[in-house]
PDB file of N, CA and C in Angstrom:
ATOM      1  N   UNK A   1      54.062 116.077 156.341  1.00  0.00           N
ATOM      2  CA  UNK A   1      54.164 116.777 157.614  1.00  0.00           C
ATOM      3  C   UNK A   1      53.660 118.202 157.411  1.00  0.00           C
ATOM      4  N   UNK A   2      52.759 118.610 158.273  1.00  0.00           N
ATOM      5  CA  UNK A   2      52.201 119.953 158.153  1.00  0.00           C
ATOM      6  C   UNK A   2      53.196 120.995 158.680  1.00  0.00           C
ATOM      7  N   UNK A   3      52.933 122.239 158.353  1.00  0.00           N
ATOM      8  CA  UNK A   3      53.772 123.334 158.839  1.00  0.00           C
ATOM      9  C   UNK A   3      53.761 123.367 160.362  1.00  0.00           C
ATOM     10  N   UNK A   4      52.612 123.159 160.955  1.00  0.00           N
ATOM     11  CA  UNK A   4      52.474 123.134 162.415  1.00  0.00           C
ATOM     12  C   UNK A   4      53.353 122.033 163.023  1.00  0.00           C
ATOM     13  N   UNK A   5      53.322 120.852 162.433  1.00  0.00           N
ATOM     14  CA  UNK A   5      54.123 119.734 162.927  1.00  0.00           C
ATOM     15  C   UNK A   5      55.609 120.023 162.785  1.00  0.00           C
ATOM     16  N   UNK A   6      55.990 120.651 161.693  1.00  0.00           N
ATOM     17  CA  UNK A   6      57.395 121.012 161.493  1.00  0.00           C
ATOM     18  C   UNK A   6      57.853 122.005 162.546  1.00  0.00           C
ATOM     19  N   UNK A   7      57.019 122.999 162.829  1.00  0.00           N
ATOM     20  CA  UNK A   7      57.364 123.999 163.843  1.00  0.00           C
ATOM     21  C   UNK A   7      57.491 123.360 165.223  1.00  0.00           C
ATOM     22  N   UNK A   8      56.605 122.428 165.540  1.00  0.00           N
ATOM     23  CA  UNK A   8      56.674 121.738 166.825  1.00  0.00           C
ATOM     24  C   UNK A   8      57.944 120.901 166.925  1.00  0.00           C
ATOM     25  N   UNK A   9      58.303 120.236 165.840  1.00  0.00           N
ATOM     26  CA  UNK A   9      59.527 119.440 165.818  1.00  0.00           C
ATOM     27  C   UNK A   9      60.756 120.337 165.980  1.00  0.00           C
ATOM     28  N   UNK A  10      60.786 121.453 165.281  1.00  0.00           N
ATOM     29  CA  UNK A  10      61.903 122.391 165.410  1.00  0.00           C
ATOM     30  C   UNK A  10      62.003 122.949 166.821  1.00  0.00           C
ATOM     31  N   UNK A  11      60.875 123.211 167.460  1.00  0.00           N
ATOM     32  CA  UNK A  11      60.880 123.678 168.855  1.00  0.00           C
ATOM     33  C   UNK A  11      61.480 122.619 169.778  1.00  0.00           C
ATOM     34  N   UNK A  12      61.127 121.361 169.563  1.00  0.00           N
ATOM     35  CA  UNK A  12      61.664 120.271 170.384  1.00  0.00           C
ATOM     36  C   UNK A  12      63.166 120.122 170.171  1.00  0.00           C
ATOM     37  N   UNK A  13      63.611 120.245 168.926  1.00  0.00           N
ATOM     38  CA  UNK A  13      65.038 120.161 168.628  1.00  0.00           C
ATOM     39  C   UNK A  13      65.777 121.302 169.297  1.00  0.00           C
ATOM     40  N   UNK A  14      65.247 122.516 169.179  1.00  0.00           N
ATOM     41  CA  UNK A  14      65.859 123.686 169.803  1.00  0.00           C
ATOM     42  C   UNK A  14      65.978 123.497 171.314  1.00  0.00           C
ATOM     43  N   UNK A  15      64.921 123.013 171.949  1.00  0.00           N
ATOM     44  CA  UNK A  15      64.928 122.790 173.389  1.00  0.00           C
ATOM     45  C   UNK A  15      65.986 121.757 173.769  1.00  0.00           C
ATOM     46  N   UNK A  16      66.077 120.693 173.012  1.00  0.00           N
ATOM     47  CA  UNK A  16      67.073 119.658 173.291  1.00  0.00           C
ATOM     48  C   UNK A  16      68.496 120.182 173.176  1.00  0.00           C
ATOM     49  N   UNK A  17      68.744 120.982 172.161  1.00  0.00           N
ATOM     50  CA  UNK A  17      70.082 121.557 171.978  1.00  0.00           C
ATOM     51  C   UNK A  17      70.395 122.509 173.128  1.00  0.00           C
ATOM     52  N   UNK A  18      69.455 123.381 173.489  1.00  0.00           N
ATOM     53  CA  UNK A  18      69.687 124.334 174.585  1.00  0.00           C
ATOM     54  C   UNK A  18      69.936 123.604 175.900  1.00  0.00           C
ATOM     55  N   UNK A  19      69.184 122.538 176.166  1.00  0.00           N
ATOM     56  CA  UNK A  19      69.402 121.759 177.387  1.00  0.00           C
ATOM     57  C   UNK A  19      70.786 121.109 177.375  1.00  0.00           C
ATOM     58  N   UNK A  20      71.162 120.562 176.227  1.00  0.00           N
ATOM     59  CA  UNK A  20      72.474 119.921 176.117  1.00  0.00           C
ATOM     60  C   UNK A  20      73.617 120.897 176.345  1.00  0.00           C
ATOM     61  N   UNK A  21      73.508 122.070 175.767  1.00  0.00           N
ATOM     62  CA  UNK A  21      74.542 123.099 175.951  1.00  0.00           C
ATOM     63  C   UNK A  21      74.590 123.535 177.410  1.00  0.00           C
ATOM     64  N   UNK A  22      73.435 123.766 178.014  1.00  0.00           N
ATOM     65  CA  UNK A  22      73.390 124.187 179.417  1.00  0.00           C
ATOM     66  C   UNK A  22      74.026 123.128 180.314  1.00  0.00           C
ATOM     67  N   UNK A  23      73.734 121.876 180.042  1.00  0.00           N
ATOM     68  CA  UNK A  23      74.297 120.788 180.842  1.00  0.00           C
ATOM     69  C   UNK A  23      75.810 120.718 180.669  1.00  0.00           C
ATOM     70  N   UNK A  24      76.285 120.831 179.443  1.00  0.00           N
ATOM     71  CA  UNK A  24      77.728 120.775 179.191  1.00  0.00           C
ATOM     72  C   UNK A  24      78.454 121.945 179.850  1.00  0.00           C
ATOM     73  N   UNK A  25      77.892 123.152 179.748  1.00  0.00           N
ATOM     74  CA  UNK A  25      78.528 124.312 180.372  1.00  0.00           C
ATOM     75  C   UNK A  25      78.556 124.170 181.892  1.00  0.00           C
ATOM     76  N   UNK A  26      77.462 123.715 182.469  1.00  0.00           N
ATOM     77  CA  UNK A  26      77.414 123.522 183.921  1.00  0.00           C
ATOM     78  C   UNK A  26      78.431 122.477 184.360  1.00  0.00           C
ATOM     79  N   UNK A  27      78.574 121.411 183.579  1.00  0.00           N
ATOM     80  CA  UNK A  27      79.542 120.358 183.895  1.00  0.00           C
ATOM     81  C   UNK A  27      80.967 120.907 183.848  1.00  0.00           C
ATOM     82  N   UNK A  28      81.291 121.671 182.836  1.00  0.00           N
ATOM     83  CA  UNK A  28      82.625 122.261 182.725  1.00  0.00           C
ATOM     84  C   UNK A  28      82.886 123.201 183.895  1.00  0.00           C
ATOM     85  N   UNK A  29      81.916 124.050 184.221  1.00  0.00           N
ATOM     86  CA  UNK A  29      82.071 125.005 185.320  1.00  0.00           C
ATOM     87  C   UNK A  29      82.265 124.264 186.645  1.00  0.00           C
ATOM     88  N   UNK A  30      81.436 123.267 186.904  1.00  0.00           N
ATOM     89  CA  UNK A  30      81.485 122.497 188.150  1.00  0.00           C
ATOM     90  C   UNK A  30      82.817 121.758 188.311  1.00  0.00           C
ATOM     91  N   UNK A  31      83.356 121.246 187.212  1.00  0.00           N
ATOM     92  CA  UNK A  31      84.586 120.456 187.267  1.00  0.00           C
ATOM     93  C   UNK A  31      85.846 121.262 186.989  1.00  0.00           C
ATOM     94  N   UNK A  32      85.699 122.583 186.846  1.00  0.00           N
ATOM     95  CA  UNK A  32      86.867 123.438 186.668  1.00  0.00           C
ATOM     96  C   UNK A  32      87.544 123.307 185.317  1.00  0.00           C
ATOM     97  N   UNK A  33      86.791 122.910 184.300  1.00  0.00           N
ATOM     98  CA  UNK A  33      87.368 122.744 182.958  1.00  0.00           C
ATOM     99  C   UNK A  33      86.986 123.925 182.078  1.00  0.00           C
ATOM    100  N   UNK A  34      87.942 124.456 181.327  1.00  0.00           N
ATOM    101  CA  UNK A  34      87.616 125.570 180.429  1.00  0.00           C
ATOM    102  C   UNK A  34      86.801 125.092 179.233  1.00  0.00           C
ATOM    103  N   UNK A  35      86.212 126.055 178.542  1.00  0.00           N
ATOM    104  CA  UNK A  35      85.559 125.777 177.268  1.00  0.00           C
ATOM    105  C   UNK A  35      86.291 126.576 176.199  1.00  0.00           C
ATOM    106  N   UNK A  36      86.089 126.224 174.965  1.00  0.00           N
ATOM    107  CA  UNK A  36      86.734 126.913 173.849  1.00  0.00           C
ATOM    108  C   UNK A  36      85.662 127.343 172.867  1.00  0.00           C
ATOM    109  N   UNK A  37      85.766 128.581 172.406  1.00  0.00           N
ATOM    110  CA  UNK A  37      84.801 129.122 171.457  1.00  0.00           C
ATOM    111  C   UNK A  37      85.538 129.763 170.289  1.00  0.00           C
ATOM    112  N   UNK A  38      84.852 129.867 169.173  1.00  0.00           N
ATOM    113  CA  UNK A  38      85.383 130.525 167.992  1.00  0.00           C
ATOM    114  C   UNK A  38      84.915 131.978 168.028  1.00  0.00           C
ATOM    115  N   UNK A  39      85.866 132.910 168.074  1.00  0.00           N
ATOM    116  CA  UNK A  39      85.519 134.327 168.153  1.00  0.00           C
ATOM    117  C   UNK A  39      86.489 135.130 167.290  1.00  0.00           C
ATOM    118  N   UNK A  40      85.945 135.909 166.386  1.00  0.00           N
ATOM    119  CA  UNK A  40      86.754 136.776 165.521  1.00  0.00           C
ATOM    120  C   UNK A  40      87.857 136.007 164.803  1.00  0.00           C
ATOM    121  N   UNK A  41      87.523 134.832 164.312  1.00  0.00           N
ATOM    122  CA  UNK A  41      88.468 134.050 163.531  1.00  0.00           C
ATOM    123  C   UNK A  41      89.530 133.338 164.343  1.00  0.00           C
ATOM    124  N   UNK A  42      89.358 133.276 165.662  1.00  0.00           N
ATOM    125  CA  UNK A  42      90.334 132.610 166.522  1.00  0.00           C
ATOM    126  C   UNK A  42      89.621 131.716 167.534  1.00  0.00           C
ATOM    127  N   UNK A  43      90.355 130.719 168.009  1.00  0.00           N
ATOM    128  CA  UNK A  43      89.849 129.881 169.090  1.00  0.00           C
ATOM    129  C   UNK A  43      90.235 130.557 170.396  1.00  0.00           C
ATOM    130  N   UNK A  44      89.240 130.789 171.239  1.00  0.00           N
ATOM    131  CA  UNK A  44      89.439 131.481 172.509  1.00  0.00           C
ATOM    132  C   UNK A  44      89.112 130.519 173.659  1.00  0.00           C
ATOM    133  N   UNK A  45      89.976 130.487 174.673  1.00  0.00           N
ATOM    134  CA  UNK A  45      89.711 129.693 175.875  1.00  0.00           C
ATOM    135  C   UNK A  45      88.963 130.562 176.886  1.00  0.00           C
ATOM    136  N   UNK A  46      87.916 130.009 177.455  1.00  0.00           N
ATOM    137  CA  UNK A  46      87.178 130.673 178.527  1.00  0.00           C
ATOM    138  C   UNK A  46      87.341 129.799 179.769  1.00  0.00           C
ATOM    139  N   UNK A  47      87.932 130.362 180.810  1.00  0.00           N
ATOM    140  CA  UNK A  47      88.174 129.592 182.030  1.00  0.00           C
ATOM    141  C   UNK A  47      86.851 129.172 182.656  1.00  0.00           C
ATOM    142  N   UNK A  48      86.909 128.127 183.468  1.00  0.00           N
ATOM    143  CA  UNK A  48      85.704 127.636 184.135  1.00  0.00           C
ATOM    144  C   UNK A  48      85.071 128.733 184.989  1.00  0.00           C
ATOM    145  N   UNK A  49      85.896 129.544 185.623  1.00  0.00           N
ATOM    146  CA  UNK A  49      85.388 130.618 186.478  1.00  0.00           C
ATOM    147  C   UNK A  49      84.652 131.682 185.668  1.00  0.00           C
ATOM    148  N   UNK A  50      85.018 131.843 184.407  1.00  0.00           N
ATOM    149  CA  UNK A  50      84.417 132.869 183.554  1.00  0.00           C
ATOM    150  C   UNK A  50      83.193 132.364 182.778  1.00  0.00           C
ATOM    151  N   UNK A  51      82.883 131.073 182.882  1.00  0.00           N
ATOM    152  CA  UNK A  51      81.698 130.541 182.196  1.00  0.00           C
ATOM    153  C   UNK A  51      80.472 131.163 182.843  1.00  0.00           C
ATOM    154  N   UNK A  52      79.614 131.804 182.052  1.00  0.00           N
ATOM    155  CA  UNK A  52      78.448 132.473 182.642  1.00  0.00           C
ATOM    156  C   UNK A  52      77.490 131.486 183.303  1.00  0.00           C
ATOM    157  N   UNK A  53      76.819 131.960 184.341  1.00  0.00           N
ATOM    158  CA  UNK A  53      75.809 131.139 185.018  1.00  0.00           C
ATOM    159  C   UNK A  53      74.703 130.823 184.021  1.00  0.00           C
ATOM    160  N   UNK A  54      74.172 129.625 184.128  1.00  0.00           N
ATOM    161  CA  UNK A  54      73.138 129.179 183.193  1.00  0.00           C
ATOM    162  C   UNK A  54      71.766 129.656 183.614  1.00  0.00           C
ATOM    163  N   UNK A  55      70.859 129.641 182.637  1.00  0.00           N
ATOM    164  CA  UNK A  55      69.468 129.983 182.904  1.00  0.00           C
ATOM    165  C   UNK A  55      68.915 129.028 183.953  1.00  0.00           C
ATOM    166  N   UNK A  56      67.927 129.498 184.694  1.00  0.00           N
ATOM    167  CA  UNK A  56      67.264 128.619 185.650  1.00  0.00           C
ATOM    168  C   UNK A  56      66.643 127.450 184.901  1.00  0.00           C
ATOM    169  N   UNK A  57      66.620 126.301 185.556  1.00  0.00           N
ATOM    170  CA  UNK A  57      66.090 125.078 184.935  1.00  0.00           C
ATOM    171  C   UNK A  57      64.674 125.272 184.403  1.00  0.00           C
ATOM    172  N   UNK A  58      63.849 126.062 185.095  1.00  0.00           N
ATOM    173  CA  UNK A  58      62.474 126.246 184.634  1.00  0.00           C
ATOM    174  C   UNK A  58      62.427 126.901 183.256  1.00  0.00           C
ATOM    175  N   UNK A  59      63.414 127.728 182.919  1.00  0.00           N
ATOM    176  CA  UNK A  59      63.448 128.371 181.618  1.00  0.00           C
ATOM    177  C   UNK A  59      63.800 127.383 180.512  1.00  0.00           C
ATOM    178  N   UNK A  60      64.413 126.251 180.876  1.00  0.00           N
ATOM    179  CA  UNK A  60      64.791 125.266 179.866  1.00  0.00           C
ATOM    180  C   UNK A  60      63.714 124.209 179.667  1.00  0.00           C
ATOM    181  N   UNK A  61      62.606 124.338 180.369  1.00  0.00           N
ATOM    182  CA  UNK A  61      61.534 123.364 180.224  1.00  0.00           C
ATOM    183  C   UNK A  61      60.546 123.740 179.132  1.00  0.00           C
ATOM    184  N   UNK A  62      60.626 124.972 178.659  1.00  0.00           N
ATOM    185  CA  UNK A  62      59.706 125.427 177.626  1.00  0.00           C
ATOM    186  C   UNK A  62      60.468 125.797 176.367  1.00  0.00           C
ATOM    187  N   UNK A  63      59.914 125.507 175.196  1.00  0.00           N
ATOM    188  CA  UNK A  63      60.567 125.907 173.949  1.00  0.00           C
ATOM    189  C   UNK A  63      60.765 127.414 173.893  1.00  0.00           C
ATOM    190  N   UNK A  64      61.823 127.841 173.214  1.00  0.00           N
ATOM    191  CA  UNK A  64      62.123 129.255 173.051  1.00  0.00           C
ATOM    192  C   UNK A  64      61.034 129.915 172.217  1.00  0.00           C
ATOM    193  N   UNK A  65      60.592 131.083 172.610  1.00  0.00           N
ATOM    194  CA  UNK A  65      59.533 131.805 171.884  1.00  0.00           C
ATOM    195  C   UNK A  65      60.136 132.853 170.983  1.00  0.00           C
TER     196      UNK A  65
END
């Protein structure tokens, strides 16, 4: 596998992960379910109302630069 092919594969993986996270956050926000994150050595609950708005869908169609 060439370096170019590896970079393209990593871009596709990154895009898939970002889309998955965006979808999960939107689902939690829409259904009123909190999310939990690890912050400063502790598990923190973030209410559904406090979940930040996601990037526009068009921004998730292109790999991160």
